[in-house]
């Protein structure tokens, strides 16, 4: 079965941005890298209890773990310069 999640660095099927390293996503949304990584890890631990997939969605972004690295896809709302950072 073919995965619907593009390879790291690839664009999304709907053309809504591209997957980027967690470091770049954190910079773009204005939060520290460690904060975004820890939030992803917390949500992934909760999700794995019900579903072992490594794709999580929250606050207008999707994150997926590829081995030891996180890749993040930002929805269109994060593209606007006036986007507020996560709280």
N, C-alpha and C. Protein backbone atom coordinates (compact mmCIF):
# COMPACT_ATOMS: atom_id res chain seq x y z
N UNK A 1 0.83 -1.17 0.00
CA UNK A 1 0.00 0.00 0.00
C UNK A 1 0.89 1.24 0.00
N UNK A 2 0.54 2.19 -0.81
CA UNK A 2 1.32 3.42 -0.92
C UNK A 2 0.91 4.41 0.17
N UNK A 3 1.90 5.01 0.81
CA UNK A 3 1.64 5.97 1.88
C UNK A 3 1.13 7.28 1.30
N UNK A 4 0.17 7.91 1.99
CA UNK A 4 -0.34 9.21 1.56
C UNK A 4 0.53 10.34 2.06
N UNK A 5 1.45 10.06 2.98
CA UNK A 5 2.34 11.09 3.51
C UNK A 5 3.57 11.14 2.64
N UNK A 6 3.89 12.31 2.06
CA UNK A 6 5.04 12.41 1.18
C UNK A 6 6.35 12.23 1.94
N UNK A 7 7.37 11.92 1.18
CA UNK A 7 8.71 11.79 1.76
C UNK A 7 9.15 13.12 2.33
N UNK A 8 10.05 13.11 3.31
CA UNK A 8 10.53 14.36 3.87
C UNK A 8 11.05 15.30 2.79
N UNK A 9 10.68 16.56 2.90
CA UNK A 9 11.12 17.55 1.93
C UNK A 9 10.22 17.64 0.72
N UNK A 10 9.27 16.72 0.56
CA UNK A 10 8.38 16.73 -0.59
C UNK A 10 7.17 17.61 -0.32
N UNK A 11 6.45 17.94 -1.39
CA UNK A 11 5.25 18.76 -1.20
C UNK A 11 4.07 17.85 -0.92
N UNK A 12 3.02 18.42 -0.33
CA UNK A 12 1.84 17.64 -0.02
C UNK A 12 1.05 17.39 -1.29
N UNK A 13 0.22 16.33 -1.32
CA UNK A 13 -0.56 16.03 -2.52
C UNK A 13 -1.49 17.15 -2.92
N UNK A 14 -2.04 17.88 -1.93
CA UNK A 14 -2.98 18.96 -2.25
C UNK A 14 -2.27 20.27 -2.56
N UNK A 15 -0.96 20.29 -2.52
CA UNK A 15 -0.22 21.50 -2.82
C UNK A 15 -0.27 22.51 -1.69
N UNK A 16 -0.55 22.06 -0.46
CA UNK A 16 -0.71 22.97 0.66
C UNK A 16 0.55 23.14 1.47
N UNK A 17 1.69 23.32 0.84
CA UNK A 17 2.93 23.49 1.57
C UNK A 17 3.82 22.28 1.42
N UNK A 18 4.83 22.21 2.27
CA UNK A 18 5.75 21.09 2.18
C UNK A 18 6.17 20.64 3.56
N UNK A 19 6.65 19.42 3.64
CA UNK A 19 7.18 18.89 4.89
C UNK A 19 8.54 19.51 5.12
N UNK A 20 8.82 19.85 6.37
CA UNK A 20 10.09 20.48 6.71
C UNK A 20 10.59 19.92 8.03
N UNK A 21 11.87 20.05 8.30
CA UNK A 21 12.39 19.61 9.60
C UNK A 21 11.72 20.38 10.74
N UNK A 22 11.61 19.74 11.87
CA UNK A 22 10.99 20.35 13.05
C UNK A 22 11.66 21.69 13.38
N UNK A 23 12.95 21.78 13.25
CA UNK A 23 13.69 23.01 13.55
C UNK A 23 13.17 24.17 12.70
N UNK A 24 12.97 23.93 11.41
CA UNK A 24 12.49 24.98 10.52
C UNK A 24 11.04 25.36 10.84
N UNK A 25 10.22 24.36 11.15
CA UNK A 25 8.82 24.63 11.49
C UNK A 25 8.73 25.46 12.77
N UNK A 26 9.53 25.12 13.76
CA UNK A 26 9.52 25.87 15.02
C UNK A 26 9.89 27.33 14.78
N UNK A 27 10.89 27.56 13.96
CA UNK A 27 11.30 28.92 13.64
C UNK A 27 10.17 29.66 12.94
N UNK A 28 9.52 29.00 11.99
CA UNK A 28 8.46 29.65 11.22
C UNK A 28 7.26 30.02 12.08
N UNK A 29 6.91 29.18 13.07
CA UNK A 29 5.73 29.48 13.88
C UNK A 29 6.08 30.24 15.16
N UNK A 30 7.36 30.45 15.40
CA UNK A 30 7.77 31.31 16.51
C UNK A 30 7.79 30.65 17.87
N UNK A 31 8.10 29.36 17.93
CA UNK A 31 8.24 28.68 19.22
C UNK A 31 9.61 28.02 19.28
N UNK A 32 10.14 27.80 20.49
CA UNK A 32 11.43 27.11 20.59
C UNK A 32 11.32 25.67 20.05
N UNK A 33 12.39 25.21 19.43
CA UNK A 33 12.42 23.87 18.87
C UNK A 33 12.09 22.81 19.91
N UNK A 34 12.65 22.94 21.10
CA UNK A 34 12.44 21.95 22.15
C UNK A 34 10.96 21.89 22.55
N UNK A 35 10.28 23.02 22.56
CA UNK A 35 8.86 23.07 22.92
C UNK A 35 8.02 22.31 21.90
N UNK A 36 8.26 22.55 20.64
CA UNK A 36 7.51 21.87 19.59
C UNK A 36 7.82 20.37 19.60
N UNK A 37 9.09 20.00 19.75
CA UNK A 37 9.46 18.59 19.77
C UNK A 37 8.80 17.86 20.94
N UNK A 38 8.84 18.46 22.12
CA UNK A 38 8.24 17.81 23.29
C UNK A 38 6.73 17.68 23.15
N UNK A 39 6.10 18.67 22.57
CA UNK A 39 4.65 18.57 22.36
C UNK A 39 4.33 17.44 21.39
N UNK A 40 5.09 17.34 20.33
CA UNK A 40 4.89 16.24 19.38
C UNK A 40 5.09 14.89 20.06
N UNK A 41 6.13 14.77 20.84
CA UNK A 41 6.42 13.51 21.52
C UNK A 41 5.32 13.14 22.51
N UNK A 42 4.81 14.13 23.27
CA UNK A 42 3.72 13.86 24.21
C UNK A 42 2.47 13.37 23.48
N UNK A 43 2.11 14.05 22.41
CA UNK A 43 0.92 13.66 21.65
C UNK A 43 1.10 12.30 20.99
N UNK A 44 2.32 12.02 20.53
CA UNK A 44 2.57 10.72 19.91
C UNK A 44 2.44 9.59 20.93
N UNK A 45 2.95 9.80 22.14
CA UNK A 45 2.81 8.76 23.19
C UNK A 45 1.34 8.49 23.49
N UNK A 46 0.54 9.54 23.59
CA UNK A 46 -0.90 9.37 23.85
C UNK A 46 -1.57 8.63 22.69
N UNK A 47 -1.21 9.00 21.47
CA UNK A 47 -1.86 8.42 20.29
C UNK A 47 -1.49 6.96 20.11
N UNK A 48 -0.26 6.59 20.38
CA UNK A 48 0.18 5.22 20.15
C UNK A 48 -0.59 4.20 20.98
N UNK A 49 -1.17 4.64 22.08
CA UNK A 49 -1.97 3.72 22.89
C UNK A 49 -3.18 3.22 22.08
N UNK A 50 -3.74 4.08 21.24
CA UNK A 50 -4.92 3.73 20.46
C UNK A 50 -4.58 3.39 19.00
N UNK A 51 -3.55 4.02 18.47
CA UNK A 51 -3.21 3.88 17.04
C UNK A 51 -1.70 3.99 16.88
N UNK A 52 -1.05 2.94 16.38
CA UNK A 52 0.41 2.96 16.32
C UNK A 52 1.02 3.81 15.21
N UNK A 53 0.22 4.52 14.43
CA UNK A 53 0.81 5.35 13.37
C UNK A 53 1.59 6.51 13.97
N UNK A 54 2.55 6.99 13.25
CA UNK A 54 3.43 8.05 13.75
C UNK A 54 3.03 9.43 13.22
N UNK A 55 1.79 9.58 12.76
CA UNK A 55 1.34 10.87 12.24
C UNK A 55 0.40 11.50 13.26
N UNK A 56 0.70 12.72 13.67
CA UNK A 56 -0.16 13.43 14.61
C UNK A 56 -0.57 14.76 14.00
N UNK A 57 -1.75 15.23 14.40
CA UNK A 57 -2.28 16.51 13.90
C UNK A 57 -2.71 17.35 15.08
N UNK A 58 -2.31 18.63 15.08
CA UNK A 58 -2.74 19.57 16.12
C UNK A 58 -2.42 20.98 15.69
N UNK A 59 -3.22 21.93 16.13
CA UNK A 59 -3.00 23.36 15.91
C UNK A 59 -2.64 23.72 14.47
N UNK A 60 -3.28 23.09 13.51
CA UNK A 60 -3.03 23.44 12.12
C UNK A 60 -1.71 22.93 11.56
N UNK A 61 -1.15 21.91 12.19
CA UNK A 61 0.05 21.31 11.63
C UNK A 61 -0.04 19.80 11.77
N UNK A 62 0.74 19.14 10.95
CA UNK A 62 0.86 17.68 11.02
C UNK A 62 2.33 17.38 11.25
N UNK A 63 2.58 16.40 12.07
CA UNK A 63 3.96 16.02 12.35
C UNK A 63 4.09 14.51 12.23
N UNK A 64 5.21 14.07 11.71
CA UNK A 64 5.47 12.65 11.52
C UNK A 64 6.92 12.37 11.87
N UNK A 65 7.13 11.29 12.56
CA UNK A 65 8.47 10.93 12.96
C UNK A 65 9.04 9.93 11.95
N UNK A 66 10.20 10.24 11.43
CA UNK A 66 10.93 9.38 10.50
C UNK A 66 12.20 8.95 11.22
N UNK A 67 12.18 7.79 11.85
CA UNK A 67 13.33 7.34 12.63
C UNK A 67 13.50 8.24 13.84
N UNK A 68 14.62 8.95 13.92
CA UNK A 68 14.89 9.85 15.04
C UNK A 68 14.48 11.29 14.75
N UNK A 69 14.04 11.58 13.52
CA UNK A 69 13.76 12.96 13.13
C UNK A 69 12.28 13.21 12.91
N UNK A 70 11.85 14.40 13.29
CA UNK A 70 10.49 14.84 13.06
C UNK A 70 10.42 15.67 11.78
N UNK A 71 9.37 15.47 11.01
CA UNK A 71 9.05 16.30 9.86
C UNK A 71 7.69 16.93 10.14
N UNK A 72 7.53 18.19 9.81
CA UNK A 72 6.31 18.93 10.12
C UNK A 72 5.75 19.55 8.84
N UNK A 73 4.43 19.50 8.72
CA UNK A 73 3.74 20.13 7.61
C UNK A 73 2.82 21.19 8.19
N UNK A 74 2.98 22.43 7.78
CA UNK A 74 2.16 23.53 8.27
C UNK A 74 1.00 23.76 7.33
N UNK A 75 -0.21 23.90 7.88
CA UNK A 75 -1.38 24.20 7.06
C UNK A 75 -1.30 25.63 6.53
N UNK A 76 -2.22 25.98 5.65
CA UNK A 76 -2.21 27.31 5.01
C UNK A 76 -2.27 28.44 6.02
N UNK A 77 -2.93 28.26 7.16
CA UNK A 77 -3.05 29.32 8.15
C UNK A 77 -1.70 29.79 8.68
N UNK A 78 -0.71 28.92 8.70
CA UNK A 78 0.61 29.30 9.19
C UNK A 78 1.41 30.09 8.15
N UNK A 79 0.97 30.11 6.91
CA UNK A 79 1.70 30.82 5.87
C UNK A 79 1.54 32.34 6.00
N UNK A 80 0.44 32.76 6.60
CA UNK A 80 0.20 34.20 6.76
C UNK A 80 1.16 34.78 7.79
N UNK A 81 1.75 35.94 7.51
CA UNK A 81 2.69 36.54 8.44
C UNK A 81 2.08 36.90 9.79
N UNK A 82 0.77 37.05 9.87
CA UNK A 82 0.13 37.44 11.13
C UNK A 82 -0.24 36.24 12.00
N UNK A 83 0.18 35.03 11.63
CA UNK A 83 -0.16 33.85 12.42
C UNK A 83 0.40 33.95 13.81
N UNK A 84 -0.42 33.63 14.78
CA UNK A 84 0.01 33.67 16.18
C UNK A 84 0.71 32.36 16.54
N UNK A 85 1.75 32.41 17.37
CA UNK A 85 2.43 31.18 17.78
C UNK A 85 1.56 30.35 18.70
N UNK A 86 1.90 29.07 18.81
CA UNK A 86 1.18 28.16 19.68
C UNK A 86 1.28 28.62 21.12
N UNK A 87 0.25 28.35 21.88
CA UNK A 87 0.30 28.68 23.32
C UNK A 87 0.27 27.42 24.12
